[in-house]
C-alpha atoms as a PDB file:
ATOM      1  CA  MET A   1      -8.127  14.942  14.506  1.00  0.00           C
ATOM      2  CA  GLN A   2      -7.223  18.015  16.390  1.00  0.00           C
ATOM      3  CA  ALA A   3     -10.515  19.644  15.379  1.00  0.00           C
ATOM      4  CA  ALA A   4     -12.344  16.550  16.764  1.00  0.00           C
ATOM      5  CA  THR A   5     -10.530  16.705  19.996  1.00  0.00           C
ATOM      6  CA  ALA A   6     -11.152  20.379  20.234  1.00  0.00           C
ATOM      7  CA  ALA A   7     -14.865  19.877  19.575  1.00  0.00           C
ATOM      8  CA  GLY A   8     -14.944  17.143  22.273  1.00  0.00           C
ATOM      9  CA  VAL A   9     -15.589  14.276  19.946  1.00  0.00           C
ATOM     10  CA  PRO A  10     -13.940  10.979  21.246  1.00  0.00           C
ATOM     11  CA  LEU A  11     -11.404   9.987  18.788  1.00  0.00           C
ATOM     12  CA  GLN A  12     -12.238   6.166  18.852  1.00  0.00           C
ATOM     13  CA  THR A  13     -15.613   7.124  17.402  1.00  0.00           C
ATOM     14  CA  LEU A  14     -14.047   8.625  14.249  1.00  0.00           C
ATOM     15  CA  PRO A  15     -14.249   6.031  11.289  1.00  0.00           C
ATOM     16  CA  CYS A  16     -10.476   6.724  10.406  1.00  0.00           C
ATOM     17  CA  VAL A  17      -9.516   5.767  13.953  1.00  0.00           C
ATOM     18  CA  ALA A  18     -12.122   2.876  14.501  1.00  0.00           C
ATOM     19  CA  SER A  19     -11.042   1.155  11.333  1.00  0.00           C
ATOM     20  CA  ARG A  20      -7.268   1.660  11.761  1.00  0.00           C
ATOM     21  CA  VAL A  21      -5.088  -1.444  11.497  1.00  0.00           C
ATOM     22  CA  ASP A  22      -1.720  -1.210  13.271  1.00  0.00           C
ATOM     23  CA  LEU A  23       1.068  -2.545  11.018  1.00  0.00           C
ATOM     24  CA  PHE A  24       3.154  -5.444  12.443  1.00  0.00           C
ATOM     25  CA  GLY A  25       6.762  -4.127  13.122  1.00  0.00           C
ATOM     26  CA  HIS A  26       8.336  -6.626  10.870  1.00  0.00           C
ATOM     27  CA  LEU A  27       6.517  -5.266   7.885  1.00  0.00           C
ATOM     28  CA  TRP A  28       7.605  -1.651   8.160  1.00  0.00           C
ATOM     29  CA  PHE A  29      10.267  -2.060   5.480  1.00  0.00           C
ATOM     30  CA  GLU A  30       7.764  -3.676   3.053  1.00  0.00           C
ATOM     31  CA  ALA A  31       5.120  -0.910   3.722  1.00  0.00           C
ATOM     32  CA  ASP A  32       7.574   1.791   3.143  1.00  0.00           C
ATOM     33  CA  ALA A  33       8.716   0.122  -0.043  1.00  0.00           C
ATOM     34  CA  PHE A  34       5.208  -0.145  -1.254  1.00  0.00           C
ATOM     35  CA  ARG A  35       4.659   3.495  -0.699  1.00  0.00           C
ATOM     36  CA  ARG A  36       7.688   4.367  -2.628  1.00  0.00           C
ATOM     37  CA  LEU A  37       7.187   1.932  -5.391  1.00  0.00           C
ATOM     38  CA  SER A  38       3.654   3.046  -5.942  1.00  0.00           C
ATOM     39  CA  THR A  39       4.968   6.226  -7.381  1.00  0.00           C
ATOM     40  CA  ASP A  40       6.487   4.156 -10.179  1.00  0.00           C
ATOM     41  CA  ARG A  41       3.206   2.520 -11.299  1.00  0.00           C
ATOM     42  CA  PRO A  42       2.052   3.317 -14.798  1.00  0.00           C
ATOM     43  CA  ILE A  43      -1.036   5.721 -14.805  1.00  0.00           C
ATOM     44  CA  GLY A  44      -2.993   6.241 -17.985  1.00  0.00           C
ATOM     45  CA  PHE A  45      -6.730   5.801 -18.189  1.00  0.00           C
ATOM     46  CA  ASP A  46      -6.420   3.571 -15.133  1.00  0.00           C
ATOM     47  CA  ARG A  47      -3.815   2.652 -12.500  1.00  0.00           C
ATOM     48  CA  GLY A  48      -1.531  -0.082 -13.490  1.00  0.00           C
ATOM     49  CA  PRO A  49       0.454  -2.555 -11.258  1.00  0.00           C
ATOM     50  CA  ILE A  50       3.804  -1.669  -9.924  1.00  0.00           C
ATOM     51  CA  PRO A  51       6.323  -2.884 -12.627  1.00  0.00           C
ATOM     52  CA  TRP A  52       8.286  -6.002 -11.637  1.00  0.00           C
ATOM     53  CA  ARG A  53      11.544  -4.326 -12.772  1.00  0.00           C
ATOM     54  CA  SER A  54      10.782  -1.539 -10.178  1.00  0.00           C
ATOM     55  CA  ILE A  55      10.315  -4.148  -7.516  1.00  0.00           C
ATOM     56  CA  HIS A  56      13.624  -5.930  -8.546  1.00  0.00           C
ATOM     57  CA  LEU A  57      15.676  -2.671  -8.648  1.00  0.00           C
ATOM     58  CA  TYR A  58      14.321  -1.574  -5.139  1.00  0.00           C
ATOM     59  CA  ALA A  59      15.117  -5.065  -3.700  1.00  0.00           C
ATOM     60  CA  GLU A  60      18.563  -5.026  -5.463  1.00  0.00           C
ATOM     61  CA  ARG A  61      19.282  -1.532  -3.874  1.00  0.00           C
ATOM     62  CA  TYR A  62      18.656  -2.983  -0.356  1.00  0.00           C
ATOM     63  CA  GLY A  63      20.612  -6.136  -0.936  1.00  0.00           C
ATOM     64  CA  LEU A  64      17.577  -8.477  -0.928  1.00  0.00           C
ATOM     65  CA  VAL A  65      18.489 -11.706  -2.860  1.00  0.00           C
ATOM     66  CA  GLN A  66      17.194 -15.230  -3.259  1.00  0.00           C
ATOM     67  CA  ASP A  67      14.456 -16.153  -0.521  1.00  0.00           C
ATOM     68  CA  ASP A  68      14.524 -12.564   0.809  1.00  0.00           C
ATOM     69  CA  PHE A  69      13.755 -11.229  -2.658  1.00  0.00           C
ATOM     70  CA  ASP A  70      11.030 -13.748  -3.219  1.00  0.00           C
ATOM     71  CA  ARG A  71       9.378 -13.004   0.112  1.00  0.00           C
ATOM     72  CA  PHE A  72       9.615  -9.114  -0.639  1.00  0.00           C
ATOM     73  CA  ALA A  73       8.299  -9.405  -4.066  1.00  0.00           C
ATOM     74  CA  GLU A  74       5.343 -11.532  -2.942  1.00  0.00           C
ATOM     75  CA  ILE A  75       4.401  -9.069  -0.294  1.00  0.00           C
ATOM     76  CA  ILE A  76       4.579  -6.113  -2.550  1.00  0.00           C
ATOM     77  CA  HIS A  77       2.536  -7.985  -5.186  1.00  0.00           C
ATOM     78  CA  ALA A  78      -0.154  -8.887  -2.622  1.00  0.00           C
ATOM     79  CA  MET A  79      -0.295  -5.268  -1.421  1.00  0.00           C
ATOM     80  CA  ASP A  80      -0.504  -4.020  -4.957  1.00  0.00           C
ATOM     81  CA  ALA A  81      -3.299  -6.397  -5.793  1.00  0.00           C
ATOM     82  CA  ALA A  82      -5.269  -5.301  -2.815  1.00  0.00           C
ATOM     83  CA  TYR A  83      -4.554  -1.692  -3.690  1.00  0.00           C
ATOM     84  CA  LEU A  84      -5.651  -2.074  -7.288  1.00  0.00           C
ATOM     85  CA  ASP A  85      -8.759  -4.089  -6.256  1.00  0.00           C
ATOM     86  CA  TYR A  86      -9.815  -1.414  -3.753  1.00  0.00           C
ATOM     87  CA  HIS A  87      -9.505   1.354  -6.436  1.00  0.00           C
ATOM     88  CA  ARG A  88     -11.364  -0.756  -9.083  1.00  0.00           C
ATOM     89  CA  LYS A  89     -14.249  -1.150  -6.634  1.00  0.00           C
ATOM     90  CA  LEU A  90     -14.454   2.645  -6.002  1.00  0.00           C
ATOM     91  CA  LYS A  91     -15.455   3.057  -9.612  1.00  0.00           C
ATOM     92  CA  PRO A  92     -18.935   2.961 -10.798  1.00  0.00           C
ATOM     93  CA  ASN A  93     -19.977  -0.379 -12.224  1.00  0.00           C
ATOM     94  CA  GLY A  94     -16.838  -2.036 -10.865  1.00  0.00           C
ATOM     95  CA  GLY A  95     -14.501  -0.234 -13.321  1.00  0.00           C
ATOM     96  CA  ASN A  96     -16.415  -1.349 -16.443  1.00  0.00           C
END
């Protein structure tokens, strides 16, 4: 973005800025957890989902139990599903 600024290109016209979505403050923990947990996903011929055990251990490490764990796991699974769907759509023929 420094190059764009130096060239006099308005930042709001850059696709990476125009399409940016600001994260709600109450989801910072989950966003950081997703980034960290993504390093534990199986990768072979294709990306796999984040293992449930990894989500459980992460939540346990931070003391999330019962309803807090359920909410956390649901958010991570939703983010993971969107991530995997996005990467499948990037492949030619929808990943087939």
